[in-house]
Amino acid sequence: MALKLEDCINTLCPWSGDPVSEESLTLYKGKVVGFCNVGCRDKFEKAVVLFEDCLNVDTKD
């Protein structure tokens, strides 16, 4: 499925505040999220994985 700018839930990159770019879209929890460049998108994707891994850690002994 190709992600489309018109489906994006934001107009500005959450990292930089610059306008989002169609080449820098990702899917997060069923929503298309945009970033100004692939570097910001990749930083978001990496952060999400790290946070979700931390939340899914089994804390039972």
N, C-alpha and C. Protein backbone atom coordinates (compact mmCIF):
# COMPACT_ATOMS: atom_id res chain seq x y z
N MET A 1 0.84 -1.18 0.00
CA MET A 1 0.00 0.00 0.00
C MET A 1 0.89 1.25 0.00
N ALA A 2 0.70 2.08 -0.98
CA ALA A 2 1.45 3.33 -1.05
C ALA A 2 0.80 4.37 -0.14
N LEU A 3 1.60 4.99 0.69
CA LEU A 3 1.08 6.03 1.58
C LEU A 3 0.94 7.33 0.80
N LYS A 4 -0.12 8.08 1.09
CA LYS A 4 -0.41 9.31 0.35
C LYS A 4 -0.44 10.50 1.29
N LEU A 5 0.08 11.61 0.80
CA LEU A 5 0.14 12.84 1.57
C LEU A 5 -1.25 13.29 2.02
N GLU A 6 -2.26 13.09 1.17
CA GLU A 6 -3.61 13.54 1.54
C GLU A 6 -4.21 12.73 2.70
N ASP A 7 -3.63 11.57 3.00
CA ASP A 7 -4.10 10.76 4.13
C ASP A 7 -3.35 11.07 5.43
N CYS A 8 -2.36 11.93 5.35
CA CYS A 8 -1.50 12.25 6.49
C CYS A 8 -2.28 13.02 7.56
N ILE A 9 -2.08 12.66 8.82
CA ILE A 9 -2.80 13.31 9.92
C ILE A 9 -2.16 14.62 10.37
N ASN A 10 -0.95 14.90 9.89
CA ASN A 10 -0.27 16.14 10.28
C ASN A 10 0.28 16.85 9.05
N THR A 11 0.48 18.16 9.16
CA THR A 11 1.04 18.93 8.05
C THR A 11 2.48 19.36 8.33
N LEU A 12 2.86 19.34 9.60
CA LEU A 12 4.22 19.73 9.98
C LEU A 12 4.93 18.57 10.65
N CYS A 13 6.22 18.46 10.39
CA CYS A 13 7.04 17.41 10.99
C CYS A 13 7.11 17.61 12.51
N PRO A 14 6.82 16.56 13.29
CA PRO A 14 6.88 16.71 14.75
C PRO A 14 8.29 16.94 15.28
N TRP A 15 9.31 16.59 14.53
CA TRP A 15 10.69 16.80 14.98
C TRP A 15 11.17 18.21 14.65
N SER A 16 10.94 18.66 13.39
CA SER A 16 11.55 19.92 12.94
C SER A 16 10.58 21.08 12.85
N GLY A 17 9.29 20.79 12.68
CA GLY A 17 8.31 21.85 12.46
C GLY A 17 8.19 22.26 11.00
N ASP A 18 8.98 21.62 10.13
CA ASP A 18 8.91 21.91 8.69
C ASP A 18 7.74 21.15 8.07
N PRO A 19 7.29 21.58 6.88
CA PRO A 19 6.21 20.86 6.20
C PRO A 19 6.59 19.41 5.90
N VAL A 20 5.58 18.52 5.96
CA VAL A 20 5.84 17.11 5.68
C VAL A 20 6.05 16.89 4.19
N SER A 21 6.74 15.80 3.87
CA SER A 21 7.07 15.43 2.50
C SER A 21 6.47 14.06 2.19
N GLU A 22 5.95 13.88 0.99
CA GLU A 22 5.33 12.61 0.61
C GLU A 22 6.33 11.45 0.65
N GLU A 23 7.60 11.72 0.47
CA GLU A 23 8.63 10.68 0.51
C GLU A 23 8.95 10.24 1.94
N SER A 24 8.39 10.95 2.93
CA SER A 24 8.76 10.71 4.33
C SER A 24 7.56 10.35 5.20
N LEU A 25 6.65 9.57 4.65
CA LEU A 25 5.47 9.15 5.38
C LEU A 25 5.69 7.78 6.00
N THR A 26 5.00 7.52 7.10
CA THR A 26 5.03 6.20 7.72
C THR A 26 3.65 5.90 8.26
N LEU A 27 3.41 4.66 8.55
CA LEU A 27 2.14 4.23 9.13
C LEU A 27 2.37 3.93 10.59
N TYR A 28 1.54 4.55 11.45
CA TYR A 28 1.66 4.32 12.89
C TYR A 28 0.26 4.12 13.46
N LYS A 29 0.03 2.94 14.01
CA LYS A 29 -1.26 2.60 14.62
C LYS A 29 -2.42 2.89 13.68
N GLY A 30 -2.22 2.54 12.39
CA GLY A 30 -3.27 2.69 11.39
C GLY A 30 -3.40 4.08 10.80
N LYS A 31 -2.57 5.01 11.20
CA LYS A 31 -2.64 6.38 10.70
C LYS A 31 -1.37 6.72 9.93
N VAL A 32 -1.52 7.53 8.88
CA VAL A 32 -0.37 8.00 8.11
C VAL A 32 0.19 9.23 8.81
N VAL A 33 1.46 9.17 9.18
CA VAL A 33 2.15 10.26 9.85
C VAL A 33 3.26 10.75 8.93
N GLY A 34 3.39 12.06 8.82
CA GLY A 34 4.38 12.64 7.92
C GLY A 34 5.53 13.32 8.62
N PHE A 35 6.66 13.34 7.93
CA PHE A 35 7.88 13.98 8.40
C PHE A 35 8.47 14.79 7.26
N CYS A 36 9.38 15.69 7.58
CA CYS A 36 9.95 16.56 6.55
C CYS A 36 10.98 15.85 5.67
N ASN A 37 11.60 14.81 6.21
CA ASN A 37 12.59 14.06 5.43
C ASN A 37 12.68 12.64 5.99
N VAL A 38 13.37 11.78 5.27
CA VAL A 38 13.45 10.37 5.69
C VAL A 38 14.24 10.21 6.99
N GLY A 39 15.15 11.13 7.28
CA GLY A 39 15.91 11.06 8.53
C GLY A 39 15.00 11.23 9.74
N CYS A 40 14.09 12.19 9.68
CA CYS A 40 13.13 12.39 10.78
C CYS A 40 12.19 11.19 10.87
N ARG A 41 11.74 10.69 9.74
CA ARG A 41 10.86 9.52 9.74
C ARG A 41 11.56 8.32 10.37
N ASP A 42 12.80 8.08 9.96
CA ASP A 42 13.54 6.94 10.49
C ASP A 42 13.81 7.09 11.98
N LYS A 43 14.07 8.32 12.44
CA LYS A 43 14.27 8.57 13.87
C LYS A 43 12.99 8.24 14.64
N PHE A 44 11.84 8.62 14.11
CA PHE A 44 10.56 8.31 14.73
C PHE A 44 10.34 6.80 14.79
N GLU A 45 10.57 6.11 13.68
CA GLU A 45 10.35 4.66 13.64
C GLU A 45 11.25 3.94 14.65
N LYS A 46 12.48 4.38 14.78
CA LYS A 46 13.40 3.78 15.75
C LYS A 46 12.93 4.05 17.18
N ALA A 47 12.51 5.28 17.45
CA ALA A 47 12.04 5.64 18.79
C ALA A 47 10.80 4.85 19.17
N VAL A 48 9.88 4.67 18.24
CA VAL A 48 8.66 3.92 18.51
C VAL A 48 8.99 2.48 18.89
N VAL A 49 9.90 1.86 18.17
CA VAL A 49 10.29 0.48 18.47
C VAL A 49 10.89 0.40 19.88
N LEU A 50 11.75 1.34 20.21
CA LEU A 50 12.37 1.34 21.53
C LEU A 50 11.34 1.52 22.64
N PHE A 51 10.42 2.47 22.48
CA PHE A 51 9.39 2.70 23.49
C PHE A 51 8.47 1.51 23.63
N GLU A 52 8.05 0.94 22.51
CA GLU A 52 7.14 -0.20 22.56
C GLU A 52 7.83 -1.41 23.19
N ASP A 53 9.12 -1.59 22.90
CA ASP A 53 9.87 -2.68 23.54
C ASP A 53 9.91 -2.49 25.05
N CYS A 54 10.13 -1.26 25.49
CA CYS A 54 10.17 -0.98 26.93
C CYS A 54 8.81 -1.24 27.58
N LEU A 55 7.74 -0.88 26.91
CA LEU A 55 6.41 -1.08 27.45
C LEU A 55 6.01 -2.54 27.49
N ASN A 56 6.60 -3.33 26.63
CA ASN A 56 6.25 -4.75 26.55
C ASN A 56 7.14 -5.65 27.38
N VAL A 57 8.08 -5.07 28.12
CA VAL A 57 8.97 -5.87 28.95
C VAL A 57 8.16 -6.50 30.08
N ASP A 58 8.36 -7.80 30.28
CA ASP A 58 7.68 -8.50 31.34
C ASP A 58 8.38 -8.19 32.66
N THR A 59 7.68 -7.54 33.57
CA THR A 59 8.30 -7.13 34.84
C THR A 59 8.03 -8.12 35.96
N LYS A 60 7.37 -9.21 35.68
CA LYS A 60 7.10 -10.22 36.71
C LYS A 60 8.36 -11.04 37.00
N ASP A 61 8.58 -11.35 38.25
CA ASP A 61 9.75 -12.18 38.64
C ASP A 61 9.41 -13.64 38.59
